[in-house]
Amino acid sequence: MTGLEALGLHGNAWADIGGIFLHFAMLSLLSVGGALAAAPDMQQFLVVTNGWMSDANFTAAVALAQAAPGPNVLFVALLGWKVAGLAGMAATMIGIMLPSSLLTLLVGRYRNSRADSLAFRALTAGLTPLVLGLLLSTGWILLAPTRSQWSAVALVVLTVLVMLRSKVSPLLLIALGAAVGMAGLV
């Protein structure tokens, strides 16, 4: 048994693991609003560019991690595990966590000394539409495996309308989506 087999790299070379780490480190600095906001680029990198997983596997990993208790970023660990085992999981998690954590620490210290700065208020106001756009694109990517089903698109539209027009708990909408899925309508 070679070192690669012992780590369960799923046939990937160490250069692939390094590439995964670097890609997720770059995404860490671009994922304003959380790691889920960078899911479309993760999907592009893992599914389309490298073919390491299918659309359905990608969506299932994100859904499983989002349904599990704990931080939302756990879907990144599942993606890494699926692509390259333990080494892939470490590469994706360290890559997505380390750069943004260091940047947050530095910016947080700087901001504490200049909390009333016009620049920081402008930055905060400018990031809001960016985060919304990233999250909408994430939703579009996650809908890909079922996008051709009218019932899935109708469920998404209904969910968005209810969220915009009422104060219904998102948990009720998640339960509705689960019930529709269990009934085999989506």
N, C-alpha and C. Protein backbone atom coordinates (compact mmCIF):
# COMPACT_ATOMS: atom_id res chain seq x y z
N MET A 1 0.85 -1.18 0.00
CA MET A 1 0.00 0.00 0.00
C MET A 1 0.90 1.25 0.00
N THR A 2 0.65 2.15 -0.95
CA THR A 2 1.45 3.37 -1.02
C THR A 2 0.90 4.42 -0.05
N GLY A 3 1.66 5.48 0.11
CA GLY A 3 1.23 6.59 0.99
C GLY A 3 -0.07 7.21 0.51
N LEU A 4 -0.25 7.29 -0.82
CA LEU A 4 -1.47 7.86 -1.37
C LEU A 4 -2.68 6.99 -1.04
N GLU A 5 -2.50 5.68 -1.13
CA GLU A 5 -3.60 4.78 -0.83
C GLU A 5 -3.96 4.83 0.65
N ALA A 6 -2.95 4.95 1.51
CA ALA A 6 -3.20 5.02 2.95
C ALA A 6 -4.01 6.26 3.32
N LEU A 7 -3.78 7.35 2.61
CA LEU A 7 -4.52 8.57 2.89
C LEU A 7 -5.87 8.60 2.18
N GLY A 8 -6.11 7.68 1.31
CA GLY A 8 -7.39 7.63 0.61
C GLY A 8 -7.58 8.80 -0.34
N LEU A 9 -6.57 9.11 -1.12
CA LEU A 9 -6.61 10.27 -2.01
C LEU A 9 -7.46 10.05 -3.26
N HIS A 10 -8.07 8.90 -3.37
CA HIS A 10 -8.95 8.59 -4.50
C HIS A 10 -8.26 8.78 -5.84
N GLY A 11 -6.99 8.42 -5.90
CA GLY A 11 -6.26 8.50 -7.16
C GLY A 11 -5.66 9.86 -7.47
N ASN A 12 -5.82 10.82 -6.62
CA ASN A 12 -5.26 12.15 -6.85
C ASN A 12 -3.80 12.20 -6.43
N ALA A 13 -3.05 13.05 -7.08
CA ALA A 13 -1.64 13.24 -6.73
C ALA A 13 -1.52 14.36 -5.70
N TRP A 14 -0.34 14.46 -5.09
CA TRP A 14 -0.13 15.53 -4.11
C TRP A 14 -0.28 16.91 -4.75
N ALA A 15 0.05 17.00 -6.04
CA ALA A 15 -0.12 18.29 -6.73
C ALA A 15 -1.61 18.67 -6.79
N ASP A 16 -2.47 17.67 -6.95
CA ASP A 16 -3.91 17.93 -6.93
C ASP A 16 -4.35 18.47 -5.57
N ILE A 17 -3.82 17.88 -4.51
CA ILE A 17 -4.16 18.32 -3.15
C ILE A 17 -3.69 19.76 -2.94
N GLY A 18 -2.49 20.06 -3.43
CA GLY A 18 -1.99 21.44 -3.35
C GLY A 18 -2.86 22.40 -4.14
N GLY A 19 -3.31 21.97 -5.32
CA GLY A 19 -4.19 22.81 -6.14
C GLY A 19 -5.54 23.04 -5.46
N ILE A 20 -6.06 21.99 -4.82
CA ILE A 20 -7.32 22.13 -4.07
C ILE A 20 -7.14 23.13 -2.94
N PHE A 21 -6.04 23.00 -2.19
CA PHE A 21 -5.78 23.93 -1.09
C PHE A 21 -5.70 25.37 -1.60
N LEU A 22 -4.93 25.60 -2.65
CA LEU A 22 -4.78 26.96 -3.17
C LEU A 22 -6.09 27.53 -3.69
N HIS A 23 -6.88 26.70 -4.36
CA HIS A 23 -8.16 27.18 -4.87
C HIS A 23 -9.10 27.56 -3.73
N PHE A 24 -9.17 26.73 -2.71
CA PHE A 24 -10.04 27.04 -1.57
C PHE A 24 -9.49 28.19 -0.74
N ALA A 25 -8.17 28.38 -0.71
CA ALA A 25 -7.60 29.54 -0.02
C ALA A 25 -8.00 30.83 -0.75
N MET A 26 -7.99 30.80 -2.08
CA MET A 26 -8.44 31.97 -2.84
C MET A 26 -9.93 32.23 -2.58
N LEU A 27 -10.72 31.15 -2.59
CA LEU A 27 -12.15 31.30 -2.34
C LEU A 27 -12.43 31.83 -0.94
N SER A 28 -11.56 31.51 0.00
CA SER A 28 -11.71 32.00 1.36
C SER A 28 -11.74 33.52 1.40
N LEU A 29 -10.93 34.14 0.58
CA LEU A 29 -10.86 35.60 0.56
C LEU A 29 -11.98 36.22 -0.28
N LEU A 30 -12.65 35.41 -1.08
CA LEU A 30 -13.74 35.90 -1.93
C LEU A 30 -15.12 35.56 -1.38
N SER A 31 -15.18 34.73 -0.37
CA SER A 31 -16.47 34.23 0.11
C SER A 31 -17.08 35.17 1.15
N VAL A 32 -17.37 36.37 0.73
CA VAL A 32 -18.03 37.35 1.59
C VAL A 32 -19.42 36.82 1.88
N GLY A 33 -19.77 36.71 3.15
CA GLY A 33 -21.07 36.18 3.52
C GLY A 33 -21.00 34.73 3.93
N GLY A 34 -19.82 34.14 3.95
CA GLY A 34 -19.66 32.75 4.35
C GLY A 34 -19.25 31.87 3.20
N ALA A 35 -18.82 30.67 3.54
CA ALA A 35 -18.32 29.73 2.53
C ALA A 35 -19.41 29.34 1.53
N LEU A 36 -20.66 29.32 1.97
CA LEU A 36 -21.74 28.93 1.07
C LEU A 36 -21.85 29.90 -0.11
N ALA A 37 -21.46 31.15 0.10
CA ALA A 37 -21.51 32.13 -0.99
C ALA A 37 -20.55 31.77 -2.12
N ALA A 38 -19.52 30.99 -1.82
CA ALA A 38 -18.56 30.59 -2.84
C ALA A 38 -18.89 29.23 -3.45
N ALA A 39 -20.03 28.65 -3.08
CA ALA A 39 -20.40 27.32 -3.60
C ALA A 39 -20.45 27.25 -5.12
N PRO A 40 -20.92 28.29 -5.83
CA PRO A 40 -20.91 28.18 -7.30
C PRO A 40 -19.51 27.97 -7.88
N ASP A 41 -18.52 28.66 -7.32
CA ASP A 41 -17.17 28.47 -7.84
C ASP A 41 -16.61 27.11 -7.41
N MET A 42 -16.98 26.66 -6.21
CA MET A 42 -16.56 25.33 -5.79
C MET A 42 -17.12 24.28 -6.74
N GLN A 43 -18.39 24.44 -7.10
CA GLN A 43 -19.04 23.52 -8.03
C GLN A 43 -18.33 23.55 -9.39
N GLN A 44 -18.02 24.73 -9.86
CA GLN A 44 -17.32 24.88 -11.15
C GLN A 44 -15.97 24.16 -11.10
N PHE A 45 -15.22 24.36 -10.02
CA PHE A 45 -13.89 23.79 -9.87
C PHE A 45 -13.93 22.26 -9.72
N LEU A 46 -14.81 21.76 -8.85
CA LEU A 46 -14.84 20.33 -8.54
C LEU A 46 -15.61 19.50 -9.55
N VAL A 47 -16.71 20.06 -10.08
CA VAL A 47 -17.58 19.29 -10.97
C VAL A 47 -17.23 19.53 -12.44
N VAL A 48 -17.23 20.80 -12.84
CA VAL A 48 -17.08 21.12 -14.27
C VAL A 48 -15.62 21.05 -14.71
N THR A 49 -14.74 21.76 -14.04
CA THR A 49 -13.34 21.85 -14.47
C THR A 49 -12.58 20.54 -14.30
N ASN A 50 -12.69 19.93 -13.10
CA ASN A 50 -11.88 18.75 -12.82
C ASN A 50 -12.65 17.43 -12.88
N GLY A 51 -13.96 17.46 -12.87
CA GLY A 51 -14.75 16.24 -12.96
C GLY A 51 -14.57 15.30 -11.79
N TRP A 52 -14.24 15.82 -10.62
CA TRP A 52 -14.01 14.99 -9.45
C TRP A 52 -15.30 14.50 -8.80
N MET A 53 -16.41 15.15 -9.11
CA MET A 53 -17.70 14.72 -8.56
C MET A 53 -18.81 15.18 -9.49
N SER A 54 -19.98 14.60 -9.34
CA SER A 54 -21.12 14.98 -10.18
C SER A 54 -21.90 16.12 -9.54
N ASP A 55 -22.78 16.74 -10.33
CA ASP A 55 -23.66 17.77 -9.80
C ASP A 55 -24.49 17.24 -8.63
N ALA A 56 -25.02 16.04 -8.81
CA ALA A 56 -25.86 15.45 -7.76
C ALA A 56 -25.07 15.20 -6.48
N ASN A 57 -23.83 14.71 -6.60
CA ASN A 57 -22.98 14.51 -5.42
C ASN A 57 -22.64 15.82 -4.74
N PHE A 58 -22.38 16.85 -5.54
CA PHE A 58 -22.07 18.16 -4.98
C PHE A 58 -23.26 18.68 -4.18
N THR A 59 -24.43 18.64 -4.79
CA THR A 59 -25.64 19.14 -4.13
C THR A 59 -25.95 18.33 -2.88
N ALA A 60 -25.78 17.02 -2.96
CA ALA A 60 -26.04 16.17 -1.80
C ALA A 60 -25.10 16.49 -0.65
N ALA A 61 -23.82 16.72 -0.95
CA ALA A 61 -22.86 17.06 0.10
C ALA A 61 -23.23 18.38 0.78
N VAL A 62 -23.61 19.37 -0.01
CA VAL A 62 -24.00 20.67 0.55
C VAL A 62 -25.26 20.50 1.39
N ALA A 63 -26.24 19.78 0.88
CA ALA A 63 -27.50 19.59 1.61
C ALA A 63 -27.28 18.83 2.91
N LEU A 64 -26.47 17.78 2.87
CA LEU A 64 -26.20 16.99 4.07
C LEU A 64 -25.54 17.84 5.14
N ALA A 65 -24.53 18.61 4.76
CA ALA A 65 -23.83 19.44 5.74
C ALA A 65 -24.72 20.56 6.27
N GLN A 66 -25.59 21.10 5.43
CA GLN A 66 -26.48 22.16 5.89
C GLN A 66 -27.53 21.61 6.84
N ALA A 67 -27.94 20.37 6.65
CA ALA A 67 -28.95 19.76 7.52
C ALA A 67 -28.37 19.32 8.86
N ALA A 68 -27.07 19.05 8.89
CA ALA A 68 -26.43 18.59 10.11
C ALA A 68 -26.20 19.75 11.08
N PRO A 69 -26.22 19.46 12.37
CA PRO A 69 -25.91 20.53 13.33
C PRO A 69 -24.45 20.94 13.22
N GLY A 70 -24.18 22.17 13.54
CA GLY A 70 -22.81 22.66 13.50
C GLY A 70 -22.66 23.78 12.50
N PRO A 71 -21.44 24.22 12.30
CA PRO A 71 -21.19 25.36 11.40
C PRO A 71 -21.54 25.02 9.95
N ASN A 72 -22.01 26.03 9.22
CA ASN A 72 -22.37 25.84 7.81
C ASN A 72 -21.19 25.47 6.94
N VAL A 73 -19.99 25.79 7.36
CA VAL A 73 -18.81 25.55 6.55
C VAL A 73 -18.47 24.06 6.44
N LEU A 74 -19.16 23.22 7.18
CA LEU A 74 -18.86 21.79 7.15
C LEU A 74 -19.06 21.15 5.78
N PHE A 75 -19.85 21.78 4.92
CA PHE A 75 -20.01 21.20 3.58
C PHE A 75 -18.69 21.17 2.84
N VAL A 76 -17.80 22.09 3.15
CA VAL A 76 -16.48 22.13 2.51
C VAL A 76 -15.69 20.87 2.87
N ALA A 77 -15.79 20.44 4.12
CA ALA A 77 -15.10 19.21 4.54
C ALA A 77 -15.64 18.01 3.78
N LEU A 78 -16.95 17.94 3.61
CA LEU A 78 -17.55 16.83 2.86
C LEU A 78 -17.09 16.82 1.41
N LEU A 79 -17.00 18.01 0.81
CA LEU A 79 -16.53 18.09 -0.57
C LEU A 79 -15.10 17.58 -0.67
N GLY A 80 -14.24 18.02 0.23
CA GLY A 80 -12.85 17.57 0.23
C GLY A 80 -12.72 16.08 0.45
N TRP A 81 -13.52 15.54 1.37
CA TRP A 81 -13.50 14.11 1.65
C TRP A 81 -13.91 13.31 0.41
N LYS A 82 -14.95 13.78 -0.26
CA LYS A 82 -15.46 13.08 -1.45
C LYS A 82 -14.42 13.09 -2.57
N VAL A 83 -13.70 14.19 -2.70
CA VAL A 83 -12.74 14.33 -3.80
C VAL A 83 -11.42 13.61 -3.52
N ALA A 84 -10.88 13.74 -2.30
CA ALA A 84 -9.54 13.22 -2.05
C ALA A 84 -9.34 12.69 -0.64
N GLY A 85 -10.38 12.17 -0.03
CA GLY A 85 -10.23 11.55 1.28
C GLY A 85 -9.78 12.52 2.36
N LEU A 86 -9.03 12.00 3.33
CA LEU A 86 -8.59 12.78 4.48
C LEU A 86 -7.73 13.99 4.07
N ALA A 87 -6.82 13.78 3.13
CA ALA A 87 -5.97 14.89 2.67
C ALA A 87 -6.80 15.96 1.96
N GLY A 88 -7.80 15.55 1.19
CA GLY A 88 -8.69 16.50 0.53
C GLY A 88 -9.50 17.30 1.52
N MET A 89 -9.98 16.61 2.56
CA MET A 89 -10.74 17.28 3.60
C MET A 89 -9.87 18.33 4.30
N ALA A 90 -8.64 17.97 4.63
CA ALA A 90 -7.73 18.92 5.28
C ALA A 90 -7.42 20.09 4.35
N ALA A 91 -7.19 19.80 3.08
CA ALA A 91 -6.86 20.87 2.11
C ALA A 91 -8.00 21.85 1.96
N THR A 92 -9.23 21.34 1.85
CA THR A 92 -10.36 22.26 1.66
C THR A 92 -10.64 23.05 2.93
N MET A 93 -10.61 22.39 4.08
CA MET A 93 -10.95 23.11 5.32
C MET A 93 -9.88 24.13 5.72
N ILE A 94 -8.62 23.74 5.64
CA ILE A 94 -7.56 24.70 5.97
C ILE A 94 -7.55 25.82 4.94
N GLY A 95 -7.74 25.46 3.68
CA GLY A 95 -7.77 26.48 2.63
C GLY A 95 -8.90 27.47 2.81
N ILE A 96 -10.10 27.01 3.17
CA ILE A 96 -11.24 27.93 3.28
C ILE A 96 -11.21 28.70 4.59
N MET A 97 -10.59 28.17 5.63
CA MET A 97 -10.63 28.82 6.94
C MET A 97 -9.44 29.75 7.23
N LEU A 98 -8.24 29.36 6.86
CA LEU A 98 -7.05 30.08 7.29
C LEU A 98 -6.95 31.52 6.74
N PRO A 99 -7.01 31.74 5.44
CA PRO A 99 -6.84 33.12 4.95
C PRO A 99 -7.91 34.09 5.46
N SER A 100 -9.17 33.68 5.43
CA SER A 100 -10.23 34.59 5.87
C SER A 100 -10.17 34.83 7.38
N SER A 101 -9.76 33.83 8.14
CA SER A 101 -9.63 34.01 9.59
C SER A 101 -8.53 35.01 9.92
N LEU A 102 -7.40 34.88 9.23
CA LEU A 102 -6.31 35.83 9.46
C LEU A 102 -6.71 37.25 9.04
N LEU A 103 -7.37 37.37 7.89
CA LEU A 103 -7.82 38.68 7.43
C LEU A 103 -8.84 39.28 8.39
N THR A 104 -9.75 38.47 8.89
CA THR A 104 -10.75 38.95 9.85
C THR A 104 -10.09 39.44 11.12
N LEU A 105 -9.11 38.73 11.59
CA LEU A 105 -8.38 39.15 12.79
C LEU A 105 -7.73 40.51 12.58
N LEU A 106 -7.04 40.67 11.45
CA LEU A 106 -6.36 41.93 11.17
C LEU A 106 -7.34 43.08 10.98
N VAL A 107 -8.38 42.87 10.19
CA VAL A 107 -9.37 43.93 9.93
C VAL A 107 -10.14 44.26 11.20
N GLY A 108 -10.46 43.25 12.00
CA GLY A 108 -11.17 43.48 13.25
C GLY A 108 -10.38 44.35 14.20
N ARG A 109 -9.10 44.11 14.30
CA ARG A 109 -8.25 44.95 15.17
C ARG A 109 -8.17 46.38 14.63
N TYR A 110 -8.05 46.52 13.33
CA TYR A 110 -7.99 47.84 12.72
C TYR A 110 -9.31 48.58 12.90
N ARG A 111 -10.42 47.87 12.72
CA ARG A 111 -11.75 48.47 12.82
C ARG A 111 -12.04 48.94 14.24
N ASN A 112 -11.60 48.18 15.23
CA ASN A 112 -11.86 48.58 16.62
C ASN A 112 -11.30 49.95 16.92
N SER A 113 -10.22 50.30 16.28
CA SER A 113 -9.63 51.63 16.53
C SER A 113 -10.27 52.71 15.67
N ARG A 114 -11.06 52.33 14.66
CA ARG A 114 -11.69 53.31 13.76
C ARG A 114 -13.14 52.93 13.47
N ALA A 115 -13.90 52.66 14.51
CA ALA A 115 -15.27 52.17 14.35
C ALA A 115 -16.19 53.16 13.63
N ASP A 116 -15.96 54.46 13.77
CA ASP A 116 -16.84 55.46 13.16
C ASP A 116 -16.35 55.94 11.80
N SER A 117 -15.39 55.27 11.25
CA SER A 117 -14.81 55.67 9.98
C SER A 117 -15.83 55.57 8.84
N LEU A 118 -15.87 56.57 8.00
CA LEU A 118 -16.74 56.57 6.83
C LEU A 118 -16.37 55.42 5.89
N ALA A 119 -15.11 55.10 5.79
CA ALA A 119 -14.66 54.02 4.91
C ALA A 119 -15.25 52.67 5.34
N PHE A 120 -15.26 52.39 6.63
CA PHE A 120 -15.80 51.12 7.10
C PHE A 120 -17.32 51.06 6.94
N ARG A 121 -17.99 52.17 7.16
CA ARG A 121 -19.44 52.19 6.95
C ARG A 121 -19.76 51.98 5.48
N ALA A 122 -18.99 52.61 4.59
CA ALA A 122 -19.20 52.44 3.14
C ALA A 122 -18.91 51.00 2.71
N LEU A 123 -17.86 50.41 3.26
CA LEU A 123 -17.53 49.03 2.94
C LEU A 123 -18.66 48.09 3.35
N THR A 124 -19.19 48.28 4.53
CA THR A 124 -20.29 47.44 5.02
C THR A 124 -21.53 47.59 4.13
N ALA A 125 -21.86 48.83 3.77
CA ALA A 125 -23.02 49.07 2.91
C ALA A 125 -22.80 48.48 1.52
N GLY A 126 -21.60 48.52 1.02
CA GLY A 126 -21.31 48.01 -0.31
C GLY A 126 -21.27 46.49 -0.38
N LEU A 127 -20.95 45.84 0.72
CA LEU A 127 -20.87 44.38 0.72
C LEU A 127 -22.25 43.71 0.75
N THR A 128 -23.26 44.42 1.22
CA THR A 128 -24.59 43.82 1.32
C THR A 128 -25.12 43.32 -0.02
N PRO A 129 -25.15 44.12 -1.09
CA PRO A 129 -25.63 43.57 -2.36
C PRO A 129 -24.73 42.48 -2.93
N LEU A 130 -23.44 42.55 -2.64
CA LEU A 130 -22.52 41.51 -3.09
C LEU A 130 -22.88 40.18 -2.46
N VAL A 131 -23.12 40.17 -1.16
CA VAL A 131 -23.49 38.94 -0.45
C VAL A 131 -24.80 38.39 -1.00
N LEU A 132 -25.78 39.24 -1.22
CA LEU A 132 -27.06 38.78 -1.76
C LEU A 132 -26.88 38.14 -3.15
N GLY A 133 -26.09 38.76 -3.99
CA GLY A 133 -25.83 38.20 -5.32
C GLY A 133 -25.12 36.86 -5.25
N LEU A 134 -24.14 36.74 -4.37
CA LEU A 134 -23.43 35.47 -4.21
C LEU A 134 -24.36 34.37 -3.71
N LEU A 135 -25.24 34.71 -2.77
CA LEU A 135 -26.16 33.71 -2.25
C LEU A 135 -27.20 33.30 -3.29
N LEU A 136 -27.65 34.24 -4.12
CA LEU A 136 -28.57 33.89 -5.20
C LEU A 136 -27.91 32.95 -6.21
N SER A 137 -26.66 33.22 -6.53
CA SER A 137 -25.96 32.34 -7.47
C SER A 137 -25.74 30.95 -6.87
N THR A 138 -25.53 30.89 -5.56
CA THR A 138 -25.42 29.60 -4.88
C THR A 138 -26.72 28.82 -5.00
N GLY A 139 -27.83 29.49 -4.77
CA GLY A 139 -29.13 28.84 -4.91
C GLY A 139 -29.34 28.29 -6.31
N TRP A 140 -28.94 29.05 -7.31
CA TRP A 140 -29.09 28.62 -8.70
C TRP A 140 -28.27 27.36 -8.98
N ILE A 141 -27.05 27.32 -8.47
CA ILE A 141 -26.18 26.16 -8.66
C ILE A 141 -26.74 24.93 -7.94
N LEU A 142 -27.24 25.14 -6.72
CA LEU A 142 -27.76 24.01 -5.96
C LEU A 142 -29.06 23.47 -6.56
N LEU A 143 -29.75 24.28 -7.32
CA LEU A 143 -30.98 23.85 -7.97
C LEU A 143 -30.69 23.06 -9.26
N ALA A 144 -29.45 23.08 -9.73
CA ALA A 144 -29.09 22.48 -11.03
C ALA A 144 -29.59 21.05 -11.23
N PRO A 145 -29.42 20.15 -10.27
CA PRO A 145 -29.87 18.77 -10.53
C PRO A 145 -31.38 18.63 -10.73
N THR A 146 -32.15 19.57 -10.22
CA THR A 146 -33.62 19.47 -10.35
C THR A 146 -34.22 20.63 -11.11
N ARG A 147 -33.38 21.43 -11.74
CA ARG A 147 -33.85 22.64 -12.42
C ARG A 147 -34.83 22.33 -13.55
N SER A 148 -34.76 21.16 -14.13
CA SER A 148 -35.65 20.82 -15.24
C SER A 148 -37.03 20.38 -14.76
N GLN A 149 -37.19 20.18 -13.47
CA GLN A 149 -38.49 19.78 -12.91
C GLN A 149 -39.28 21.03 -12.51
N TRP A 150 -40.46 21.19 -13.09
CA TRP A 150 -41.25 22.38 -12.81
C TRP A 150 -41.61 22.47 -11.33
N SER A 151 -41.80 21.31 -10.67
CA SER A 151 -42.18 21.33 -9.25
C SER A 151 -41.06 21.89 -8.38
N ALA A 152 -39.80 21.61 -8.72
CA ALA A 152 -38.67 22.13 -7.95
C ALA A 152 -38.57 23.64 -8.12
N VAL A 153 -38.71 24.10 -9.34
CA VAL A 153 -38.65 25.55 -9.60
C VAL A 153 -39.81 26.25 -8.90
N ALA A 154 -41.01 25.65 -8.95
CA ALA A 154 -42.18 26.23 -8.28
C ALA A 154 -41.97 26.32 -6.77
N LEU A 155 -41.34 25.29 -6.19
CA LEU A 155 -41.07 25.29 -4.76
C LEU A 155 -40.09 26.40 -4.39
N VAL A 156 -39.07 26.60 -5.22
CA VAL A 156 -38.11 27.67 -4.96
C VAL A 156 -38.78 29.03 -5.06
N VAL A 157 -39.56 29.25 -6.10
CA VAL A 157 -40.26 30.53 -6.27
C VAL A 157 -41.21 30.77 -5.10
N LEU A 158 -41.96 29.76 -4.70
CA LEU A 158 -42.87 29.88 -3.57
C LEU A 158 -42.11 30.24 -2.29
N THR A 159 -40.99 29.58 -2.06
CA THR A 159 -40.18 29.85 -0.87
C THR A 159 -39.68 31.29 -0.86
N VAL A 160 -39.17 31.75 -1.99
CA VAL A 160 -38.66 33.13 -2.07
C VAL A 160 -39.79 34.12 -1.83
N LEU A 161 -40.94 33.90 -2.44
CA LEU A 161 -42.07 34.82 -2.26
C LEU A 161 -42.54 34.85 -0.81
N VAL A 162 -42.64 33.69 -0.18
CA VAL A 162 -43.06 33.65 1.23
C VAL A 162 -42.04 34.35 2.11
N MET A 163 -40.75 34.16 1.84
CA MET A 163 -39.71 34.82 2.65
C MET A 163 -39.74 36.33 2.48
N LEU A 164 -40.04 36.80 1.26
CA LEU A 164 -40.07 38.24 1.01
C LEU A 164 -41.33 38.90 1.56
N ARG A 165 -42.44 38.20 1.55
CA ARG A 165 -43.74 38.80 1.87
C ARG A 165 -44.24 38.52 3.28
N SER A 166 -43.58 37.65 4.03
CA SER A 166 -44.10 37.32 5.36
C SER A 166 -42.95 37.14 6.35
N LYS A 167 -43.34 36.85 7.56
CA LYS A 167 -42.35 36.59 8.60
C LYS A 167 -42.39 35.12 9.03
N VAL A 168 -42.80 34.26 8.08
CA VAL A 168 -42.85 32.82 8.34
C VAL A 168 -41.44 32.32 8.62
N SER A 169 -41.32 31.46 9.58
CA SER A 169 -40.02 30.90 9.95
C SER A 169 -39.43 30.09 8.79
N PRO A 170 -38.15 30.28 8.51
CA PRO A 170 -37.50 29.46 7.48
C PRO A 170 -37.57 27.97 7.79
N LEU A 171 -37.65 27.62 9.07
CA LEU A 171 -37.75 26.21 9.44
C LEU A 171 -39.03 25.57 8.90
N LEU A 172 -40.13 26.34 8.87
CA LEU A 172 -41.36 25.81 8.29
C LEU A 172 -41.21 25.57 6.80
N LEU A 173 -40.50 26.47 6.13
CA LEU A 173 -40.29 26.31 4.69
C LEU A 173 -39.36 25.13 4.40
N ILE A 174 -38.38 24.93 5.25
CA ILE A 174 -37.50 23.76 5.11
C ILE A 174 -38.32 22.48 5.30
N ALA A 175 -39.19 22.49 6.30
CA ALA A 175 -40.05 21.32 6.53
C ALA A 175 -40.97 21.08 5.33
N LEU A 176 -41.50 22.14 4.75
CA LEU A 176 -42.34 22.00 3.56
C LEU A 176 -41.55 21.38 2.41
N GLY A 177 -40.33 21.87 2.19
CA GLY A 177 -39.47 21.32 1.15
C GLY A 177 -39.16 19.85 1.39
N ALA A 178 -38.92 19.48 2.66
CA ALA A 178 -38.65 18.08 2.99
C ALA A 178 -39.87 17.22 2.72
N ALA A 179 -41.05 17.73 3.08
CA ALA A 179 -42.29 16.97 2.87
C ALA A 179 -42.54 16.77 1.38
N VAL A 180 -42.32 17.82 0.60
CA VAL A 180 -42.51 17.71 -0.85
C VAL A 180 -41.52 16.70 -1.43
N GLY A 181 -40.29 16.73 -0.95
CA GLY A 181 -39.28 15.78 -1.42
C GLY A 181 -39.62 14.35 -1.03
N MET A 182 -40.07 14.14 0.21
CA MET A 182 -40.42 12.78 0.65
C MET A 182 -41.64 12.25 -0.09
N ALA A 183 -42.52 13.17 -0.50
CA ALA A 183 -43.70 12.75 -1.26
C ALA A 183 -43.34 12.41 -2.72
N GLY A 184 -42.10 12.69 -3.09
CA GLY A 184 -41.64 12.37 -4.44
C GLY A 184 -42.05 13.39 -5.48
N LEU A 185 -42.45 14.56 -5.04
CA LEU A 185 -42.88 15.61 -5.99
C LEU A 185 -41.70 16.39 -6.54
N VAL A 186 -40.57 16.29 -5.92
CA VAL A 186 -39.35 16.97 -6.39
C VAL A 186 -38.24 15.97 -6.46
